[in-house]
Amino acid sequence: MTFALVRPTKSILPSYLEALEEGDFCNMALGSFADETKEEIVRNPDEYIRKVSDESPRKVAMPDGSEFVVNEHSLLWLVDGDRYLGSVSLRFAGDTEVIEEFGGHIGIAIRPSLLNRGYGVKAAALAWQLAGAYFKERGINSIYVSCNPYNHASRRLIEHNGGRLVKEKSDAFGTGPSLIFVIDLK
């Protein structure tokens, strides 16, 4: 298997659509960005690819009514050839609250049928490799990541990559409980 992080493309879209049918799934882009249904994507696949590839600043609306801005971000797909395995959201700059109190700098989601099979570890390794230099160029030597306290696999992944728990939130802007970790970049 050859894993890669790539920008979303139409050639991978059929596999992404299959992943949507596998169950509860989040693309990690925050604030319901690009969370269209399969039917909506099929109606206009070019628009969906354009939307998820758009790196311009965007608002993130939270369930409690809070709004934040993510200024620099990229949504990438973890793939093996044309097979969609998961998503990696990189958030380089934006309102402090959305990065340090909720979503973090990096979000990873693996398609439901592949959970707990090591794909998250592969995605994290590629994300750290890709993003580490970019963050350091901007003077960011530590990154924030978060997970739901009941998502034990995500917590293990974060801790395995050097995550230090710095905060526990009982409710992160109306989304429920969240654990906030810091990872020092090497």
N, C-alpha and C. Protein backbone atom coordinates (compact mmCIF):
# COMPACT_ATOMS: atom_id res chain seq x y z
N MET A 1 0.84 -1.18 0.00
CA MET A 1 0.00 0.00 0.00
C MET A 1 0.88 1.25 0.00
N THR A 2 0.47 2.22 -0.78
CA THR A 2 1.16 3.50 -0.83
C THR A 2 0.19 4.58 -0.38
N PHE A 3 0.43 5.13 0.79
CA PHE A 3 -0.45 6.15 1.34
C PHE A 3 0.06 7.53 0.92
N ALA A 4 -0.89 8.43 0.67
CA ALA A 4 -0.53 9.80 0.33
C ALA A 4 -1.63 10.73 0.81
N LEU A 5 -1.24 11.96 1.10
CA LEU A 5 -2.20 13.02 1.36
C LEU A 5 -2.28 13.85 0.10
N VAL A 6 -3.49 13.99 -0.44
CA VAL A 6 -3.68 14.70 -1.71
C VAL A 6 -4.85 15.66 -1.58
N ARG A 7 -4.87 16.63 -2.47
CA ARG A 7 -6.04 17.51 -2.55
C ARG A 7 -7.21 16.68 -3.10
N PRO A 8 -8.42 16.99 -2.66
CA PRO A 8 -9.58 16.27 -3.19
C PRO A 8 -9.67 16.37 -4.71
N THR A 9 -9.99 15.25 -5.36
CA THR A 9 -10.12 15.21 -6.82
C THR A 9 -11.34 14.37 -7.20
N LYS A 10 -11.82 14.58 -8.42
CA LYS A 10 -12.97 13.82 -8.91
C LYS A 10 -12.63 12.34 -9.07
N SER A 11 -11.37 12.01 -9.31
CA SER A 11 -11.03 10.59 -9.48
C SER A 11 -11.20 9.81 -8.17
N ILE A 12 -11.10 10.48 -7.05
CA ILE A 12 -11.24 9.83 -5.74
C ILE A 12 -12.67 9.97 -5.21
N LEU A 13 -13.42 10.87 -5.79
CA LEU A 13 -14.77 11.17 -5.29
C LEU A 13 -15.67 9.93 -5.19
N PRO A 14 -15.68 8.98 -6.15
CA PRO A 14 -16.54 7.80 -5.98
C PRO A 14 -16.23 7.03 -4.69
N SER A 15 -14.97 6.91 -4.34
CA SER A 15 -14.60 6.21 -3.11
C SER A 15 -15.00 7.03 -1.88
N TYR A 16 -14.90 8.35 -1.96
CA TYR A 16 -15.35 9.23 -0.87
C TYR A 16 -16.86 9.05 -0.65
N LEU A 17 -17.61 8.98 -1.74
CA LEU A 17 -19.06 8.79 -1.64
C LEU A 17 -19.39 7.45 -1.00
N GLU A 18 -18.62 6.42 -1.28
CA GLU A 18 -18.80 5.12 -0.63
C GLU A 18 -18.60 5.26 0.89
N ALA A 19 -17.59 6.04 1.27
CA ALA A 19 -17.31 6.24 2.70
C ALA A 19 -18.49 6.90 3.40
N LEU A 20 -19.15 7.82 2.72
CA LEU A 20 -20.31 8.50 3.32
C LEU A 20 -21.43 7.52 3.64
N GLU A 21 -21.50 6.42 2.90
CA GLU A 21 -22.55 5.42 3.12
C GLU A 21 -22.23 4.47 4.27
N GLU A 22 -21.01 4.54 4.79
CA GLU A 22 -20.59 3.58 5.80
C GLU A 22 -21.03 3.94 7.22
N GLY A 23 -21.58 5.12 7.42
CA GLY A 23 -22.02 5.49 8.75
C GLY A 23 -21.61 6.90 9.10
N ASP A 24 -21.72 7.21 10.38
CA ASP A 24 -21.42 8.55 10.88
C ASP A 24 -19.99 8.92 10.51
N PHE A 25 -19.85 10.03 9.84
CA PHE A 25 -18.55 10.39 9.31
C PHE A 25 -18.43 11.91 9.23
N CYS A 26 -17.29 12.43 9.62
CA CYS A 26 -17.03 13.87 9.60
C CYS A 26 -15.78 14.11 8.78
N ASN A 27 -15.80 15.13 7.92
CA ASN A 27 -14.61 15.39 7.09
C ASN A 27 -13.57 16.25 7.81
N MET A 28 -13.83 16.65 9.03
CA MET A 28 -12.89 17.37 9.89
C MET A 28 -12.64 18.82 9.49
N ALA A 29 -13.45 19.38 8.65
CA ALA A 29 -13.21 20.75 8.20
C ALA A 29 -13.80 21.80 9.14
N LEU A 30 -14.54 21.44 10.13
CA LEU A 30 -15.15 22.29 11.14
C LEU A 30 -16.36 23.07 10.64
N GLY A 31 -17.34 23.17 11.50
CA GLY A 31 -18.49 24.02 11.24
C GLY A 31 -19.37 23.58 10.08
N SER A 32 -19.50 22.28 9.85
CA SER A 32 -20.32 21.73 8.77
C SER A 32 -19.86 22.15 7.39
N PHE A 33 -18.64 22.63 7.26
CA PHE A 33 -18.09 23.00 5.96
C PHE A 33 -17.93 21.73 5.13
N ALA A 34 -18.53 21.73 3.96
CA ALA A 34 -18.40 20.62 3.01
C ALA A 34 -18.98 19.32 3.54
N ASP A 35 -20.00 19.40 4.35
CA ASP A 35 -20.66 18.20 4.87
C ASP A 35 -21.92 17.86 4.08
N GLU A 36 -21.92 18.14 2.79
CA GLU A 36 -23.08 17.85 1.96
C GLU A 36 -23.37 16.35 1.94
N THR A 37 -24.62 16.03 1.64
CA THR A 37 -25.01 14.63 1.51
C THR A 37 -24.49 14.07 0.20
N LYS A 38 -24.54 12.76 0.09
CA LYS A 38 -24.12 12.10 -1.14
C LYS A 38 -24.93 12.63 -2.33
N GLU A 39 -26.23 12.78 -2.14
CA GLU A 39 -27.09 13.25 -3.22
C GLU A 39 -26.70 14.65 -3.68
N GLU A 40 -26.39 15.53 -2.73
CA GLU A 40 -25.98 16.90 -3.08
C GLU A 40 -24.66 16.90 -3.84
N ILE A 41 -23.73 16.05 -3.44
CA ILE A 41 -22.43 15.98 -4.11
C ILE A 41 -22.59 15.44 -5.52
N VAL A 42 -23.40 14.39 -5.68
CA VAL A 42 -23.60 13.78 -7.00
C VAL A 42 -24.24 14.77 -7.97
N ARG A 43 -25.13 15.63 -7.46
CA ARG A 43 -25.77 16.64 -8.33
C ARG A 43 -24.76 17.61 -8.93
N ASN A 44 -23.70 17.93 -8.16
CA ASN A 44 -22.73 18.90 -8.67
C ASN A 44 -21.33 18.57 -8.11
N PRO A 45 -20.70 17.50 -8.62
CA PRO A 45 -19.41 17.08 -8.08
C PRO A 45 -18.30 18.13 -8.28
N ASP A 46 -18.34 18.85 -9.39
CA ASP A 46 -17.31 19.88 -9.61
C ASP A 46 -17.37 20.97 -8.55
N GLU A 47 -18.59 21.37 -8.19
CA GLU A 47 -18.75 22.40 -7.16
C GLU A 47 -18.27 21.90 -5.81
N TYR A 48 -18.54 20.64 -5.50
CA TYR A 48 -18.09 20.09 -4.23
C TYR A 48 -16.56 20.07 -4.16
N ILE A 49 -15.91 19.60 -5.20
CA ILE A 49 -14.44 19.58 -5.22
C ILE A 49 -13.89 20.99 -5.12
N ARG A 50 -14.50 21.94 -5.82
CA ARG A 50 -14.06 23.34 -5.73
C ARG A 50 -14.20 23.84 -4.29
N LYS A 51 -15.34 23.55 -3.68
CA LYS A 51 -15.60 24.04 -2.33
C LYS A 51 -14.60 23.47 -1.31
N VAL A 52 -14.36 22.15 -1.35
CA VAL A 52 -13.46 21.56 -0.35
C VAL A 52 -12.00 21.91 -0.62
N SER A 53 -11.70 22.37 -1.83
CA SER A 53 -10.33 22.77 -2.16
C SER A 53 -10.07 24.25 -1.93
N ASP A 54 -11.11 25.01 -1.66
CA ASP A 54 -11.00 26.45 -1.46
C ASP A 54 -10.30 26.74 -0.13
N GLU A 55 -9.17 27.40 -0.18
CA GLU A 55 -8.39 27.69 1.03
C GLU A 55 -8.55 29.13 1.51
N SER A 56 -9.51 29.85 0.96
CA SER A 56 -9.72 31.23 1.40
C SER A 56 -10.32 31.24 2.81
N PRO A 57 -10.17 32.34 3.54
CA PRO A 57 -10.73 32.41 4.90
C PRO A 57 -12.22 32.08 4.89
N ARG A 58 -12.65 31.41 5.96
CA ARG A 58 -14.06 31.07 6.06
C ARG A 58 -14.53 31.10 7.50
N LYS A 59 -15.82 31.36 7.64
CA LYS A 59 -16.42 31.38 8.97
C LYS A 59 -16.75 29.97 9.42
N VAL A 60 -16.63 29.77 10.71
CA VAL A 60 -17.01 28.50 11.34
C VAL A 60 -18.12 28.84 12.33
N ALA A 61 -19.33 28.38 12.05
CA ALA A 61 -20.47 28.61 12.93
C ALA A 61 -20.61 27.42 13.88
N MET A 62 -20.68 27.72 15.15
CA MET A 62 -20.78 26.69 16.17
C MET A 62 -22.22 26.52 16.63
N PRO A 63 -22.58 25.35 17.19
CA PRO A 63 -23.95 25.11 17.63
C PRO A 63 -24.46 26.10 18.68
N ASP A 64 -23.58 26.68 19.49
CA ASP A 64 -24.03 27.63 20.50
C ASP A 64 -24.20 29.04 19.96
N GLY A 65 -23.99 29.23 18.65
CA GLY A 65 -24.14 30.55 18.04
C GLY A 65 -22.83 31.29 17.87
N SER A 66 -21.76 30.82 18.46
CA SER A 66 -20.45 31.46 18.29
C SER A 66 -20.01 31.33 16.84
N GLU A 67 -19.28 32.33 16.37
CA GLU A 67 -18.71 32.27 15.02
C GLU A 67 -17.23 32.62 15.10
N PHE A 68 -16.44 31.88 14.34
CA PHE A 68 -15.00 32.10 14.29
C PHE A 68 -14.56 32.11 12.84
N VAL A 69 -13.33 32.55 12.62
CA VAL A 69 -12.77 32.55 11.27
C VAL A 69 -11.51 31.69 11.25
N VAL A 70 -11.42 30.83 10.23
CA VAL A 70 -10.19 30.09 9.96
C VAL A 70 -9.60 30.75 8.72
N ASN A 71 -8.41 31.36 8.89
CA ASN A 71 -7.81 32.15 7.81
C ASN A 71 -7.01 31.31 6.82
N GLU A 72 -6.21 30.41 7.32
CA GLU A 72 -5.37 29.56 6.46
C GLU A 72 -5.68 28.11 6.80
N HIS A 73 -6.09 27.34 5.78
CA HIS A 73 -6.46 25.95 6.03
C HIS A 73 -6.36 25.16 4.74
N SER A 74 -6.21 23.86 4.90
CA SER A 74 -6.23 22.93 3.77
C SER A 74 -6.96 21.67 4.20
N LEU A 75 -7.80 21.16 3.31
CA LEU A 75 -8.44 19.87 3.53
C LEU A 75 -7.81 18.89 2.55
N LEU A 76 -7.23 17.83 3.08
CA LEU A 76 -6.56 16.83 2.25
C LEU A 76 -7.22 15.48 2.47
N TRP A 77 -7.10 14.63 1.47
CA TRP A 77 -7.62 13.27 1.59
C TRP A 77 -6.47 12.29 1.69
N LEU A 78 -6.57 11.36 2.65
CA LEU A 78 -5.64 10.25 2.76
C LEU A 78 -6.12 9.19 1.78
N VAL A 79 -5.23 8.79 0.87
CA VAL A 79 -5.62 7.85 -0.17
C VAL A 79 -4.59 6.74 -0.33
N ASP A 80 -5.04 5.67 -0.94
CA ASP A 80 -4.19 4.60 -1.44
C ASP A 80 -4.61 4.45 -2.90
N GLY A 81 -3.87 5.08 -3.80
CA GLY A 81 -4.29 5.15 -5.20
C GLY A 81 -5.53 6.00 -5.31
N ASP A 82 -6.62 5.43 -5.86
CA ASP A 82 -7.88 6.15 -5.97
C ASP A 82 -8.85 5.79 -4.84
N ARG A 83 -8.36 5.08 -3.85
CA ARG A 83 -9.21 4.68 -2.72
C ARG A 83 -9.11 5.71 -1.60
N TYR A 84 -10.25 6.29 -1.26
CA TYR A 84 -10.33 7.26 -0.16
C TYR A 84 -10.27 6.51 1.17
N LEU A 85 -9.34 6.95 2.04
CA LEU A 85 -9.18 6.32 3.35
C LEU A 85 -9.63 7.22 4.49
N GLY A 86 -9.47 8.54 4.31
CA GLY A 86 -9.82 9.49 5.36
C GLY A 86 -9.50 10.91 4.97
N SER A 87 -9.73 11.82 5.90
CA SER A 87 -9.49 13.25 5.67
C SER A 87 -8.55 13.79 6.73
N VAL A 88 -7.76 14.76 6.32
CA VAL A 88 -6.89 15.50 7.24
C VAL A 88 -7.14 16.98 7.00
N SER A 89 -7.52 17.67 8.05
CA SER A 89 -7.76 19.10 7.96
C SER A 89 -6.61 19.81 8.68
N LEU A 90 -5.93 20.67 7.96
CA LEU A 90 -4.83 21.47 8.52
C LEU A 90 -5.33 22.89 8.69
N ARG A 91 -5.23 23.41 9.90
CA ARG A 91 -5.68 24.77 10.19
C ARG A 91 -4.48 25.55 10.72
N PHE A 92 -3.93 26.38 9.85
CA PHE A 92 -2.67 27.06 10.17
C PHE A 92 -2.89 28.36 10.95
N ALA A 93 -3.96 29.07 10.65
CA ALA A 93 -4.20 30.35 11.32
C ALA A 93 -5.69 30.63 11.37
N GLY A 94 -6.08 31.35 12.40
CA GLY A 94 -7.48 31.72 12.55
C GLY A 94 -7.72 32.23 13.96
N ASP A 95 -8.98 32.44 14.28
CA ASP A 95 -9.32 32.89 15.63
C ASP A 95 -8.78 31.91 16.65
N THR A 96 -8.13 32.43 17.67
CA THR A 96 -7.49 31.60 18.69
C THR A 96 -8.46 30.60 19.30
N GLU A 97 -9.69 31.03 19.57
CA GLU A 97 -10.65 30.16 20.24
C GLU A 97 -10.94 28.88 19.45
N VAL A 98 -11.09 29.01 18.15
CA VAL A 98 -11.45 27.82 17.37
C VAL A 98 -10.28 26.84 17.29
N ILE A 99 -9.05 27.35 17.31
CA ILE A 99 -7.89 26.47 17.24
C ILE A 99 -7.51 25.93 18.62
N GLU A 100 -7.41 26.83 19.61
CA GLU A 100 -6.93 26.40 20.93
C GLU A 100 -8.01 25.87 21.86
N GLU A 101 -9.26 26.12 21.55
CA GLU A 101 -10.34 25.70 22.45
C GLU A 101 -11.26 24.64 21.84
N PHE A 102 -11.10 24.35 20.54
CA PHE A 102 -12.02 23.40 19.92
C PHE A 102 -11.36 22.49 18.89
N GLY A 103 -11.06 23.00 17.72
CA GLY A 103 -10.68 22.14 16.61
C GLY A 103 -9.22 21.79 16.50
N GLY A 104 -8.36 22.62 17.05
CA GLY A 104 -6.94 22.37 16.94
C GLY A 104 -6.38 22.74 15.58
N HIS A 105 -5.10 22.52 15.40
CA HIS A 105 -4.42 22.80 14.13
C HIS A 105 -4.60 21.67 13.13
N ILE A 106 -4.80 20.46 13.63
CA ILE A 106 -4.92 19.30 12.75
C ILE A 106 -6.11 18.45 13.20
N GLY A 107 -6.93 18.07 12.23
CA GLY A 107 -8.04 17.15 12.49
C GLY A 107 -7.92 15.97 11.55
N ILE A 108 -8.18 14.78 12.06
CA ILE A 108 -8.06 13.56 11.25
C ILE A 108 -9.35 12.76 11.40
N ALA A 109 -9.87 12.30 10.27
CA ALA A 109 -11.05 11.42 10.27
C ALA A 109 -10.79 10.26 9.32
N ILE A 110 -11.03 9.07 9.77
CA ILE A 110 -10.85 7.86 8.96
C ILE A 110 -12.23 7.32 8.61
N ARG A 111 -12.39 6.83 7.37
CA ARG A 111 -13.70 6.32 6.96
C ARG A 111 -14.13 5.20 7.90
N PRO A 112 -15.42 5.11 8.20
CA PRO A 112 -15.90 4.18 9.23
C PRO A 112 -15.45 2.73 9.05
N SER A 113 -15.40 2.21 7.84
CA SER A 113 -15.04 0.79 7.65
C SER A 113 -13.57 0.52 7.95
N LEU A 114 -12.76 1.56 8.10
CA LEU A 114 -11.33 1.37 8.33
C LEU A 114 -10.88 1.79 9.73
N LEU A 115 -11.82 2.11 10.60
CA LEU A 115 -11.46 2.55 11.95
C LEU A 115 -10.73 1.44 12.71
N ASN A 116 -9.80 1.86 13.56
CA ASN A 116 -9.04 0.96 14.43
C ASN A 116 -8.23 -0.08 13.67
N ARG A 117 -7.71 0.33 12.51
CA ARG A 117 -6.85 -0.55 11.71
C ARG A 117 -5.51 0.10 11.41
N GLY A 118 -5.18 1.19 12.09
CA GLY A 118 -3.88 1.82 11.91
C GLY A 118 -3.84 2.94 10.89
N TYR A 119 -4.96 3.22 10.23
CA TYR A 119 -4.96 4.29 9.22
C TYR A 119 -4.80 5.67 9.85
N GLY A 120 -5.32 5.85 11.04
CA GLY A 120 -5.15 7.12 11.74
C GLY A 120 -3.68 7.40 12.03
N VAL A 121 -2.94 6.35 12.39
CA VAL A 121 -1.50 6.49 12.63
C VAL A 121 -0.79 6.94 11.36
N LYS A 122 -1.15 6.32 10.23
CA LYS A 122 -0.55 6.70 8.94
C LYS A 122 -0.90 8.14 8.59
N ALA A 123 -2.17 8.50 8.77
CA ALA A 123 -2.61 9.86 8.46
C ALA A 123 -1.89 10.88 9.33
N ALA A 124 -1.75 10.57 10.62
CA ALA A 124 -1.07 11.49 11.53
C ALA A 124 0.39 11.66 11.15
N ALA A 125 1.06 10.57 10.82
CA ALA A 125 2.47 10.66 10.43
C ALA A 125 2.64 11.54 9.20
N LEU A 126 1.78 11.35 8.20
CA LEU A 126 1.86 12.18 7.00
C LEU A 126 1.52 13.64 7.30
N ALA A 127 0.51 13.86 8.12
CA ALA A 127 0.11 15.23 8.46
C ALA A 127 1.22 15.96 9.21
N TRP A 128 1.83 15.28 10.17
CA TRP A 128 2.90 15.89 10.95
C TRP A 128 4.07 16.23 10.02
N GLN A 129 4.41 15.31 9.14
CA GLN A 129 5.52 15.51 8.20
C GLN A 129 5.23 16.70 7.28
N LEU A 130 4.04 16.76 6.74
CA LEU A 130 3.66 17.82 5.82
C LEU A 130 3.55 19.17 6.52
N ALA A 131 2.89 19.18 7.65
CA ALA A 131 2.57 20.44 8.31
C ALA A 131 3.68 20.98 9.21
N GLY A 132 4.54 20.10 9.71
CA GLY A 132 5.55 20.54 10.68
C GLY A 132 6.39 21.71 10.19
N ALA A 133 6.95 21.60 9.01
CA ALA A 133 7.79 22.69 8.48
C ALA A 133 6.96 23.94 8.24
N TYR A 134 5.73 23.78 7.76
CA TYR A 134 4.87 24.92 7.48
C TYR A 134 4.57 25.69 8.77
N PHE A 135 4.26 24.96 9.83
CA PHE A 135 3.99 25.61 11.12
C PHE A 135 5.24 26.32 11.63
N LYS A 136 6.36 25.65 11.58
CA LYS A 136 7.61 26.24 12.09
C LYS A 136 8.00 27.49 11.32
N GLU A 137 7.77 27.51 9.99
CA GLU A 137 8.04 28.71 9.19
C GLU A 137 7.26 29.91 9.70
N ARG A 138 6.12 29.67 10.31
CA ARG A 138 5.26 30.73 10.81
C ARG A 138 5.46 30.97 12.31
N GLY A 139 6.50 30.38 12.85
CA GLY A 139 6.80 30.60 14.26
C GLY A 139 5.94 29.79 15.21
N ILE A 140 5.22 28.79 14.70
CA ILE A 140 4.38 27.94 15.55
C ILE A 140 5.19 26.69 15.88
N ASN A 141 5.60 26.58 17.15
CA ASN A 141 6.42 25.46 17.57
C ASN A 141 5.64 24.38 18.32
N SER A 142 4.40 24.70 18.65
CA SER A 142 3.51 23.75 19.31
C SER A 142 2.16 23.85 18.63
N ILE A 143 1.52 22.69 18.43
CA ILE A 143 0.20 22.70 17.80
C ILE A 143 -0.83 22.15 18.76
N TYR A 144 -2.06 22.59 18.58
CA TYR A 144 -3.19 22.11 19.37
C TYR A 144 -3.95 21.06 18.59
N VAL A 145 -4.39 20.03 19.28
CA VAL A 145 -5.28 19.02 18.72
C VAL A 145 -6.31 18.68 19.78
N SER A 146 -7.44 18.18 19.35
CA SER A 146 -8.50 17.88 20.32
C SER A 146 -9.20 16.59 19.94
N CYS A 147 -9.92 16.05 20.90
CA CYS A 147 -10.76 14.88 20.64
C CYS A 147 -11.85 14.82 21.70
N ASN A 148 -12.88 14.08 21.39
CA ASN A 148 -13.94 13.81 22.34
C ASN A 148 -13.37 12.87 23.41
N PRO A 149 -13.67 13.08 24.68
CA PRO A 149 -13.10 12.21 25.72
C PRO A 149 -13.50 10.75 25.59
N TYR A 150 -14.57 10.46 24.85
CA TYR A 150 -15.01 9.08 24.67
C TYR A 150 -14.39 8.42 23.45
N ASN A 151 -13.61 9.18 22.68
CA ASN A 151 -12.94 8.63 21.51
C ASN A 151 -11.55 8.17 21.93
N HIS A 152 -11.48 6.97 22.49
CA HIS A 152 -10.23 6.45 23.05
C HIS A 152 -9.16 6.24 22.00
N ALA A 153 -9.54 5.86 20.79
CA ALA A 153 -8.55 5.66 19.72
C ALA A 153 -7.88 6.98 19.36
N SER A 154 -8.66 8.05 19.26
CA SER A 154 -8.07 9.36 18.95
C SER A 154 -7.16 9.83 20.08
N ARG A 155 -7.59 9.62 21.30
CA ARG A 155 -6.76 10.04 22.43
C ARG A 155 -5.42 9.29 22.41
N ARG A 156 -5.46 7.98 22.18
CA ARG A 156 -4.21 7.20 22.11
C ARG A 156 -3.32 7.71 20.98
N LEU A 157 -3.91 8.01 19.83
CA LEU A 157 -3.15 8.52 18.70
C LEU A 157 -2.48 9.85 19.05
N ILE A 158 -3.22 10.74 19.66
CA ILE A 158 -2.67 12.04 20.05
C ILE A 158 -1.54 11.86 21.06
N GLU A 159 -1.77 11.06 22.08
CA GLU A 159 -0.75 10.84 23.10
C GLU A 159 0.47 10.13 22.53
N HIS A 160 0.26 9.19 21.60
CA HIS A 160 1.36 8.49 20.94
C HIS A 160 2.26 9.47 20.16
N ASN A 161 1.67 10.54 19.68
CA ASN A 161 2.41 11.55 18.93
C ASN A 161 2.89 12.70 19.81
N GLY A 162 2.93 12.49 21.12
CA GLY A 162 3.49 13.48 22.03
C GLY A 162 2.50 14.46 22.61
N GLY A 163 1.21 14.22 22.43
CA GLY A 163 0.20 15.14 22.95
C GLY A 163 0.17 15.18 24.46
N ARG A 164 0.18 16.40 25.00
CA ARG A 164 0.03 16.64 26.44
C ARG A 164 -1.33 17.25 26.68
N LEU A 165 -2.13 16.63 27.53
CA LEU A 165 -3.45 17.17 27.85
C LEU A 165 -3.27 18.49 28.60
N VAL A 166 -3.87 19.55 28.08
CA VAL A 166 -3.75 20.87 28.71
C VAL A 166 -5.09 21.41 29.19
N LYS A 167 -6.19 20.83 28.71
CA LYS A 167 -7.49 21.36 29.11
C LYS A 167 -8.58 20.33 28.83
N GLU A 168 -9.55 20.29 29.75
CA GLU A 168 -10.75 19.49 29.54
C GLU A 168 -11.92 20.45 29.55
N LYS A 169 -12.72 20.39 28.50
CA LYS A 169 -13.89 21.28 28.40
C LYS A 169 -15.15 20.44 28.50
N SER A 170 -16.06 20.86 29.36
CA SER A 170 -17.32 20.12 29.50
C SER A 170 -18.23 20.37 28.30
N ASP A 171 -18.08 21.53 27.65
CA ASP A 171 -18.86 21.82 26.45
C ASP A 171 -18.07 22.81 25.59
N ALA A 172 -17.65 22.36 24.43
CA ALA A 172 -16.88 23.20 23.52
C ALA A 172 -17.82 23.86 22.51
N PHE A 173 -18.32 25.04 22.87
CA PHE A 173 -19.16 25.85 21.97
C PHE A 173 -20.40 25.11 21.49
N GLY A 174 -20.99 24.30 22.38
CA GLY A 174 -22.22 23.59 22.04
C GLY A 174 -22.01 22.26 21.36
N THR A 175 -20.77 21.79 21.26
CA THR A 175 -20.50 20.52 20.57
C THR A 175 -20.32 19.35 21.54
N GLY A 176 -20.35 19.62 22.83
CA GLY A 176 -20.14 18.56 23.81
C GLY A 176 -18.74 18.62 24.39
N PRO A 177 -18.39 17.61 25.19
CA PRO A 177 -17.10 17.63 25.88
C PRO A 177 -15.93 17.48 24.91
N SER A 178 -14.79 18.03 25.33
CA SER A 178 -13.60 17.98 24.47
C SER A 178 -12.34 17.98 25.33
N LEU A 179 -11.35 17.25 24.87
CA LEU A 179 -10.02 17.25 25.47
C LEU A 179 -9.10 18.03 24.53
N ILE A 180 -8.33 18.94 25.08
CA ILE A 180 -7.41 19.77 24.29
C ILE A 180 -5.97 19.36 24.65
N PHE A 181 -5.19 19.05 23.62
CA PHE A 181 -3.81 18.63 23.79
C PHE A 181 -2.88 19.60 23.05
N VAL A 182 -1.63 19.66 23.52
CA VAL A 182 -0.57 20.39 22.83
C VAL A 182 0.51 19.39 22.42
N ILE A 183 1.00 19.53 21.20
CA ILE A 183 2.11 18.70 20.72
C ILE A 183 3.22 19.64 20.31
N ASP A 184 4.40 19.46 20.92
CA ASP A 184 5.56 20.26 20.55
C ASP A 184 6.17 19.68 19.27
N LEU A 185 6.39 20.56 18.29
CA LEU A 185 7.00 20.12 17.04
C LEU A 185 8.49 20.00 17.23
N LYS A 186 9.06 18.96 16.65
CA LYS A 186 10.51 18.74 16.80
C LYS A 186 11.26 19.32 15.64
